[in-house]
C-alpha atoms as a PDB file:
ATOM      1  CA  MET A   1       0.028  -0.024  -0.124  1.00  0.00           C
ATOM      2  CA  SER A   2       1.247   3.451  -0.866  1.00  0.00           C
ATOM      3  CA  SER A   3       1.898   5.990   1.803  1.00  0.00           C
ATOM      4  CA  VAL A   4      -0.473   9.068   1.974  1.00  0.00           C
ATOM      5  CA  VAL A   5       2.330  11.301   1.491  1.00  0.00           C
ATOM      6  CA  GLY A   6       3.467   9.460  -1.579  1.00  0.00           C
ATOM      7  CA  LEU A   7      -0.052   9.853  -3.111  1.00  0.00           C
ATOM      8  CA  LEU A   8      -0.039  13.551  -2.232  1.00  0.00           C
ATOM      9  CA  GLU A   9       3.278  13.957  -3.971  1.00  0.00           C
ATOM     10  CA  GLN A  10       1.943  12.239  -7.027  1.00  0.00           C
ATOM     11  CA  ARG A  11      -1.169  14.362  -7.141  1.00  0.00           C
ATOM     12  CA  GLU A  12       0.945  17.647  -6.641  1.00  0.00           C
ATOM     13  CA  LEU A  13       3.428  16.579  -9.411  1.00  0.00           C
ATOM     14  CA  GLY A  14       0.507  15.991 -11.752  1.00  0.00           C
ATOM     15  CA  ALA A  15      -1.151  19.460 -10.910  1.00  0.00           C
ATOM     16  CA  ARG A  16       2.283  21.063 -11.337  1.00  0.00           C
ATOM     17  CA  ARG A  17       2.655  19.664 -14.733  1.00  0.00           C
ATOM     18  CA  ARG A  18      -0.734  20.829 -15.753  1.00  0.00           C
ATOM     19  CA  VAL A  19      -0.028  24.354 -14.432  1.00  0.00           C
ATOM     20  CA  ASP A  20       3.232  24.468 -16.412  1.00  0.00           C
ATOM     21  CA  ALA A  21       1.588  23.208 -19.575  1.00  0.00           C
ATOM     22  CA  LEU A  22      -1.129  25.771 -19.228  1.00  0.00           C
ATOM     23  CA  ARG A  23       1.509  28.541 -18.521  1.00  0.00           C
ATOM     24  CA  GLU A  24       3.334  27.587 -21.807  1.00  0.00           C
ATOM     25  CA  GLU A  25       0.022  27.571 -23.722  1.00  0.00           C
ATOM     26  CA  ALA A  26      -0.815  31.050 -22.175  1.00  0.00           C
ATOM     27  CA  ASP A  27       2.596  32.390 -23.127  1.00  0.00           C
ATOM     28  CA  ARG A  28       2.163  31.123 -26.544  1.00  0.00           C
ATOM     29  CA  ILE A  29      -1.224  32.645 -26.984  1.00  0.00           C
ATOM     30  CA  GLN A  30      -0.106  35.951 -25.504  1.00  0.00           C
ATOM     31  CA  ALA A  31       2.856  36.011 -28.182  1.00  0.00           C
ATOM     32  CA  GLU A  32       0.360  35.261 -30.797  1.00  0.00           C
ATOM     33  CA  LEU A  33      -2.112  37.872 -29.638  1.00  0.00           C
ATOM     34  CA  ALA A  34       0.742  40.550 -29.322  1.00  0.00           C
ATOM     35  CA  LEU A  35       1.690  39.789 -33.020  1.00  0.00           C
ATOM     36  CA  ALA A  36      -1.946  39.965 -34.149  1.00  0.00           C
ATOM     37  CA  GLU A  37      -2.464  43.179 -32.196  1.00  0.00           C
ATOM     38  CA  ARG A  38       0.569  44.659 -33.916  1.00  0.00           C
ATOM     39  CA  GLU A  39      -0.565  43.680 -37.278  1.00  0.00           C
ATOM     40  CA  TRP A  40      -3.971  45.088 -36.589  1.00  0.00           C
ATOM     41  CA  GLN A  41      -2.468  48.315 -35.332  1.00  0.00           C
ATOM     42  CA  GLU A  42      -0.245  48.648 -38.599  1.00  0.00           C
ATOM     43  CA  TRP A  43      -3.351  48.183 -40.758  1.00  0.00           C
ATOM     44  CA  ALA A  44      -5.289  50.845 -38.729  1.00  0.00           C
ATOM     45  CA  ILE A  45      -2.380  53.231 -39.073  1.00  0.00           C
ATOM     46  CA  ALA A  46      -2.191  52.506 -42.932  1.00  0.00           C
ATOM     47  CA  ARG A  47      -5.737  53.071 -43.404  1.00  0.00           C
ATOM     48  CA  SER A  48      -5.538  56.384 -41.364  1.00  0.00           C
ATOM     49  CA  LYS A  49      -2.532  57.613 -43.302  1.00  0.00           C
ATOM     50  CA  VAL A  50      -4.189  56.688 -46.792  1.00  0.00           C
ATOM     51  CA  GLY A  51      -7.365  58.603 -45.481  1.00  0.00           C
ATOM     52  CA  GLU A  52      -5.270  61.704 -44.595  1.00  0.00           C
ATOM     53  CA  VAL A  53      -3.323  61.703 -47.865  1.00  0.00           C
ATOM     54  CA  LEU A  54      -6.590  61.396 -50.006  1.00  0.00           C
ATOM     55  CA  ALA A  55      -8.774  63.664 -47.788  1.00  0.00           C
ATOM     56  CA  PRO A  56      -7.272  66.990 -48.981  1.00  0.00           C
ATOM     57  CA  ALA A  57      -7.633  66.043 -52.688  1.00  0.00           C
ATOM     58  CA  GLU A  58     -11.247  64.917 -52.288  1.00  0.00           C
ATOM     59  CA  GLU A  59     -12.293  67.864 -50.234  1.00  0.00           C
ATOM     60  CA  THR A  60     -10.491  70.592 -52.184  1.00  0.00           C
ATOM     61  CA  GLY A  61     -10.228  69.074 -55.540  1.00  0.00           C
ATOM     62  CA  GLN A  62      -6.462  69.801 -55.450  1.00  0.00           C
ATOM     63  CA  ASP A  63      -3.509  67.567 -56.244  1.00  0.00           C
ATOM     64  CA  PRO A  64      -2.374  66.329 -52.718  1.00  0.00           C
ATOM     65  CA  ALA A  65       1.218  67.455 -53.422  1.00  0.00           C
ATOM     66  CA  ARG A  66      -0.022  70.960 -53.875  1.00  0.00           C
ATOM     67  CA  ALA A  67      -2.508  70.837 -50.975  1.00  0.00           C
ATOM     68  CA  ASP A  68       0.501  70.956 -48.650  1.00  0.00           C
ATOM     69  CA  GLU A  69       1.701  74.260 -50.105  1.00  0.00           C
ATOM     70  CA  SER A  70      -1.636  75.986 -49.547  1.00  0.00           C
ATOM     71  CA  ALA A  71      -2.141  74.844 -46.225  1.00  0.00           C
ATOM     72  CA  PRO A  72      -2.193  77.509 -43.504  1.00  0.00           C
ATOM     73  CA  ALA A  73       1.111  77.895 -41.733  1.00  0.00           C
ATOM     74  CA  ALA A  74       1.403  76.669 -38.152  1.00  0.00           C
ATOM     75  CA  GLU A  75       3.155  79.191 -35.695  1.00  0.00           C
ATOM     76  CA  GLY A  76       6.705  79.598 -36.879  1.00  0.00           C
ATOM     77  CA  GLN A  77       6.472  76.696 -39.318  1.00  0.00           C
ATOM     78  CA  PRO A  78       5.651  77.783 -42.950  1.00  0.00           C
ATOM     79  CA  GLY A  79       3.614  75.186 -44.929  1.00  0.00           C
ATOM     80  CA  LYS A  80       2.938  72.806 -41.957  1.00  0.00           C
ATOM     81  CA  ASP A  81      -0.421  71.959 -40.371  1.00  0.00           C
ATOM     82  CA  PRO A  82      -0.488  72.510 -36.571  1.00  0.00           C
ATOM     83  CA  GLN A  83      -0.138  69.304 -34.720  1.00  0.00           C
ATOM     84  CA  PRO A  84      -3.253  68.625 -32.578  1.00  0.00           C
ATOM     85  CA  THR A  85      -2.675  67.947 -28.953  1.00  0.00           C
ATOM     86  CA  ALA A  86      -3.411  64.318 -28.378  1.00  0.00           C
ATOM     87  CA  VAL A  87      -4.909  63.689 -24.907  1.00  0.00           C
ATOM     88  CA  ALA A  88      -5.935  60.290 -24.133  1.00  0.00           C
ATOM     89  CA  LYS A  89      -9.450  59.377 -23.550  1.00  0.00           C
ATOM     90  CA  PRO A  90     -10.518  56.511 -21.126  1.00  0.00           C
ATOM     91  CA  LYS A  91     -10.436  53.070 -22.700  1.00  0.00           C
ATOM     92  CA  SER A  92      -8.366  54.532 -25.607  1.00  0.00           C
ATOM     93  CA  GLN A  93      -6.126  52.309 -27.597  1.00  0.00           C
ATOM     94  CA  VAL A  94      -2.228  52.050 -27.103  1.00  0.00           C
ATOM     95  CA  PRO A  95      -0.626  53.644 -30.107  1.00  0.00           C
ATOM     96  CA  VAL A  96       2.686  52.232 -31.245  1.00  0.00           C
ATOM     97  CA  TRP A  97       5.535  54.088 -29.737  1.00  0.00           C
ATOM     98  CA  ARG A  98       7.633  56.483 -31.805  1.00  0.00           C
ATOM     99  CA  GLU A  99      10.425  59.026 -31.020  1.00  0.00           C
ATOM    100  CA  GLY A 100       8.717  62.224 -29.853  1.00  0.00           C
ATOM    101  CA  LEU A 101       5.390  60.654 -28.793  1.00  0.00           C
ATOM    102  CA  ALA A 102       4.358  62.015 -25.419  1.00  0.00           C
ATOM    103  CA  TRP A 103       2.813  59.682 -22.674  1.00  0.00           C
ATOM    104  CA  SER A 104      -0.241  61.973 -22.671  1.00  0.00           C
ATOM    105  CA  VAL A 105      -1.565  59.911 -25.710  1.00  0.00           C
ATOM    106  CA  LEU A 106      -1.878  56.968 -23.185  1.00  0.00           C
ATOM    107  CA  SER A 107      -4.826  56.575 -20.704  1.00  0.00           C
ATOM    108  CA  VAL A 108      -4.071  57.358 -17.076  1.00  0.00           C
ATOM    109  CA  ASP A 109      -3.589  53.640 -16.176  1.00  0.00           C
ATOM    110  CA  TYR A 110      -1.013  53.152 -18.819  1.00  0.00           C
ATOM    111  CA  GLN A 111       0.791  56.389 -17.841  1.00  0.00           C
ATOM    112  CA  ARG A 112       0.922  55.100 -14.129  1.00  0.00           C
ATOM    113  CA  ILE A 113       2.545  51.823 -15.168  1.00  0.00           C
ATOM    114  CA  LEU A 114       5.194  53.797 -17.304  1.00  0.00           C
ATOM    115  CA  GLN A 115       5.804  56.228 -14.353  1.00  0.00           C
ATOM    116  CA  LEU A 116       6.361  53.269 -11.909  1.00  0.00           C
ATOM    117  CA  GLY A 117       8.680  51.690 -14.307  1.00  0.00           C
ATOM    118  CA  ALA A 118      10.566  54.888 -14.995  1.00  0.00           C
ATOM    119  CA  ASP A 119      10.768  55.641 -11.267  1.00  0.00           C
ATOM    120  CA  ARG A 120      12.279  52.052 -10.564  1.00  0.00           C
ATOM    121  CA  ALA A 121      14.738  52.360 -13.258  1.00  0.00           C
ATOM    122  CA  ARG A 122      15.884  55.832 -12.250  1.00  0.00           C
ATOM    123  CA  LEU A 123      16.377  54.507  -8.681  1.00  0.00           C
ATOM    124  CA  GLY A 124      18.362  51.581 -10.054  1.00  0.00           C
ATOM    125  CA  GLN A 125      15.689  49.146  -8.609  1.00  0.00           C
ATOM    126  CA  GLY A 126      15.291  47.169 -11.733  1.00  0.00           C
ATOM    127  CA  PRO A 127      12.203  45.932 -13.581  1.00  0.00           C
ATOM    128  CA  VAL A 128       8.860  45.738 -11.863  1.00  0.00           C
ATOM    129  CA  THR A 129       6.483  42.885 -11.566  1.00  0.00           C
ATOM    130  CA  CYS A 130       2.624  42.947 -11.780  1.00  0.00           C
ATOM    131  CA  GLN A 131       2.364  42.006  -8.184  1.00  0.00           C
ATOM    132  CA  GLU A 132       4.583  44.990  -7.287  1.00  0.00           C
ATOM    133  CA  MET A 133       2.549  47.269  -9.539  1.00  0.00           C
ATOM    134  CA  ALA A 134      -0.727  46.312  -7.903  1.00  0.00           C
ATOM    135  CA  ALA A 135       0.807  46.865  -4.408  1.00  0.00           C
ATOM    136  CA  ALA A 136       2.312  50.313  -5.588  1.00  0.00           C
ATOM    137  CA  PHE A 137      -1.166  51.456  -6.979  1.00  0.00           C
ATOM    138  CA  GLY A 138      -2.774  50.605  -3.641  1.00  0.00           C
ATOM    139  CA  MET A 139      -4.838  47.574  -5.293  1.00  0.00           C
ATOM    140  CA  ASP A 140      -5.514  44.293  -3.656  1.00  0.00           C
ATOM    141  CA  VAL A 141      -2.886  41.794  -4.730  1.00  0.00           C
ATOM    142  CA  VAL A 142      -5.210  39.395  -6.097  1.00  0.00           C
ATOM    143  CA  PRO A 143      -5.160  37.301  -9.412  1.00  0.00           C
ATOM    144  CA  ALA A 144      -7.803  39.382 -11.113  1.00  0.00           C
ATOM    145  CA  ARG A 145      -5.999  42.729 -10.469  1.00  0.00           C
ATOM    146  CA  VAL A 146      -2.512  41.313 -11.267  1.00  0.00           C
ATOM    147  CA  GLU A 147      -3.646  39.831 -14.506  1.00  0.00           C
ATOM    148  CA  ALA A 148      -5.333  43.086 -15.612  1.00  0.00           C
ATOM    149  CA  LEU A 149      -2.092  44.980 -14.951  1.00  0.00           C
ATOM    150  CA  ARG A 150      -0.224  42.121 -16.774  1.00  0.00           C
ATOM    151  CA  SER A 151      -2.587  42.547 -19.723  1.00  0.00           C
ATOM    152  CA  LYS A 152      -1.816  46.350 -19.924  1.00  0.00           C
ATOM    153  CA  ALA A 153       1.984  45.923 -19.426  1.00  0.00           C
ATOM    154  CA  LYS A 154       1.918  43.243 -22.136  1.00  0.00           C
ATOM    155  CA  ARG A 155       0.112  45.795 -24.436  1.00  0.00           C
ATOM    156  CA  LEU A 156       2.759  48.333 -23.648  1.00  0.00           C
ATOM    157  CA  VAL A 157       5.408  45.840 -24.496  1.00  0.00           C
ATOM    158  CA  ALA A 158       3.682  44.897 -27.833  1.00  0.00           C
ATOM    159  CA  ARG A 159       3.488  48.676 -28.774  1.00  0.00           C
ATOM    160  CA  GLY A 160       6.989  49.400 -27.921  1.00  0.00           C
ATOM    161  CA  TRP A 161       6.550  51.589 -24.689  1.00  0.00           C
ATOM    162  CA  LEU A 162       7.864  48.831 -22.192  1.00  0.00           C
ATOM    163  CA  ALA A 163      10.488  46.065 -22.341  1.00  0.00           C
ATOM    164  CA  GLU A 164      10.242  42.673 -20.738  1.00  0.00           C
ATOM    165  CA  PRO A 165      13.761  41.639 -20.066  1.00  0.00           C
ATOM    166  CA  ALA A 166      12.628  38.664 -18.174  1.00  0.00           C
ATOM    167  CA  PRO A 167       9.203  36.982 -18.131  1.00  0.00           C
ATOM    168  CA  GLY A 168       6.716  39.070 -15.957  1.00  0.00           C
ATOM    169  CA  ARG A 169       9.262  41.832 -15.315  1.00  0.00           C
ATOM    170  CA  PHE A 170       8.713  45.131 -17.128  1.00  0.00           C
ATOM    171  CA  THR A 171      10.929  48.374 -17.459  1.00  0.00           C
ATOM    172  CA  PRO A 172      10.552  51.275 -19.921  1.00  0.00           C
ATOM    173  CA  ALA A 173      11.867  50.372 -23.449  1.00  0.00           C
ATOM    174  CA  PRO A 174      15.111  51.915 -24.703  1.00  0.00           C
ATOM    175  CA  GLY A 175      14.434  55.536 -25.905  1.00  0.00           C
ATOM    176  CA  VAL A 176      11.086  55.979 -24.061  1.00  0.00           C
ATOM    177  CA  ALA A 177      11.689  59.119 -21.886  1.00  0.00           C
ATOM    178  CA  GLY A 178       9.510  60.694 -19.205  1.00  0.00           C
ATOM    179  CA  PRO A 179       5.966  61.996 -19.439  1.00  0.00           C
ATOM    180  CA  GLY A 180       6.790  65.114 -21.343  1.00  0.00           C
ATOM    181  CA  GLY A 181       7.956  63.316 -24.513  1.00  0.00           C
ATOM    182  CA  GLY A 182       8.974  60.148 -26.064  1.00  0.00           C
ATOM    183  CA  SER A 183      12.554  61.002 -27.011  1.00  0.00           C
END
């Protein structure tokens, strides 16, 4: 007859193997999701850019190349359209990071994640985990809250705002600066 401890160890081993297999599957799905989201974002950007290029020609009946010449000048910049100030709205999408893009395009939740990562990097404390984020934001450190933060952090990684040097550990991506600007 097997000992009770031996049976418990067998059950524990089986459960641990199942958790490991599910984690691997979740990581694979997360990576696939990140690629799909990136592709979707690129198509949305392409559609938006084509719309911008075609809009002046359709609205004014002018050649798009000439439309830029007749555009009103921005302050101190002849022939350039003024850049609209982009302020994030709640539940807004995360744009792909590019040099010069300010944190203000992100929702407050995403800005808080970036700020925490930047503060830790500045203090030499290394990457932050989602459990540490939850605690720092005054949230209950429970799976639902931690997973919500993980989802947001992974989205920031997929869009180039954060880097994930080790699984589950996040830090600002190279080149991403403080809240005032992205360079």
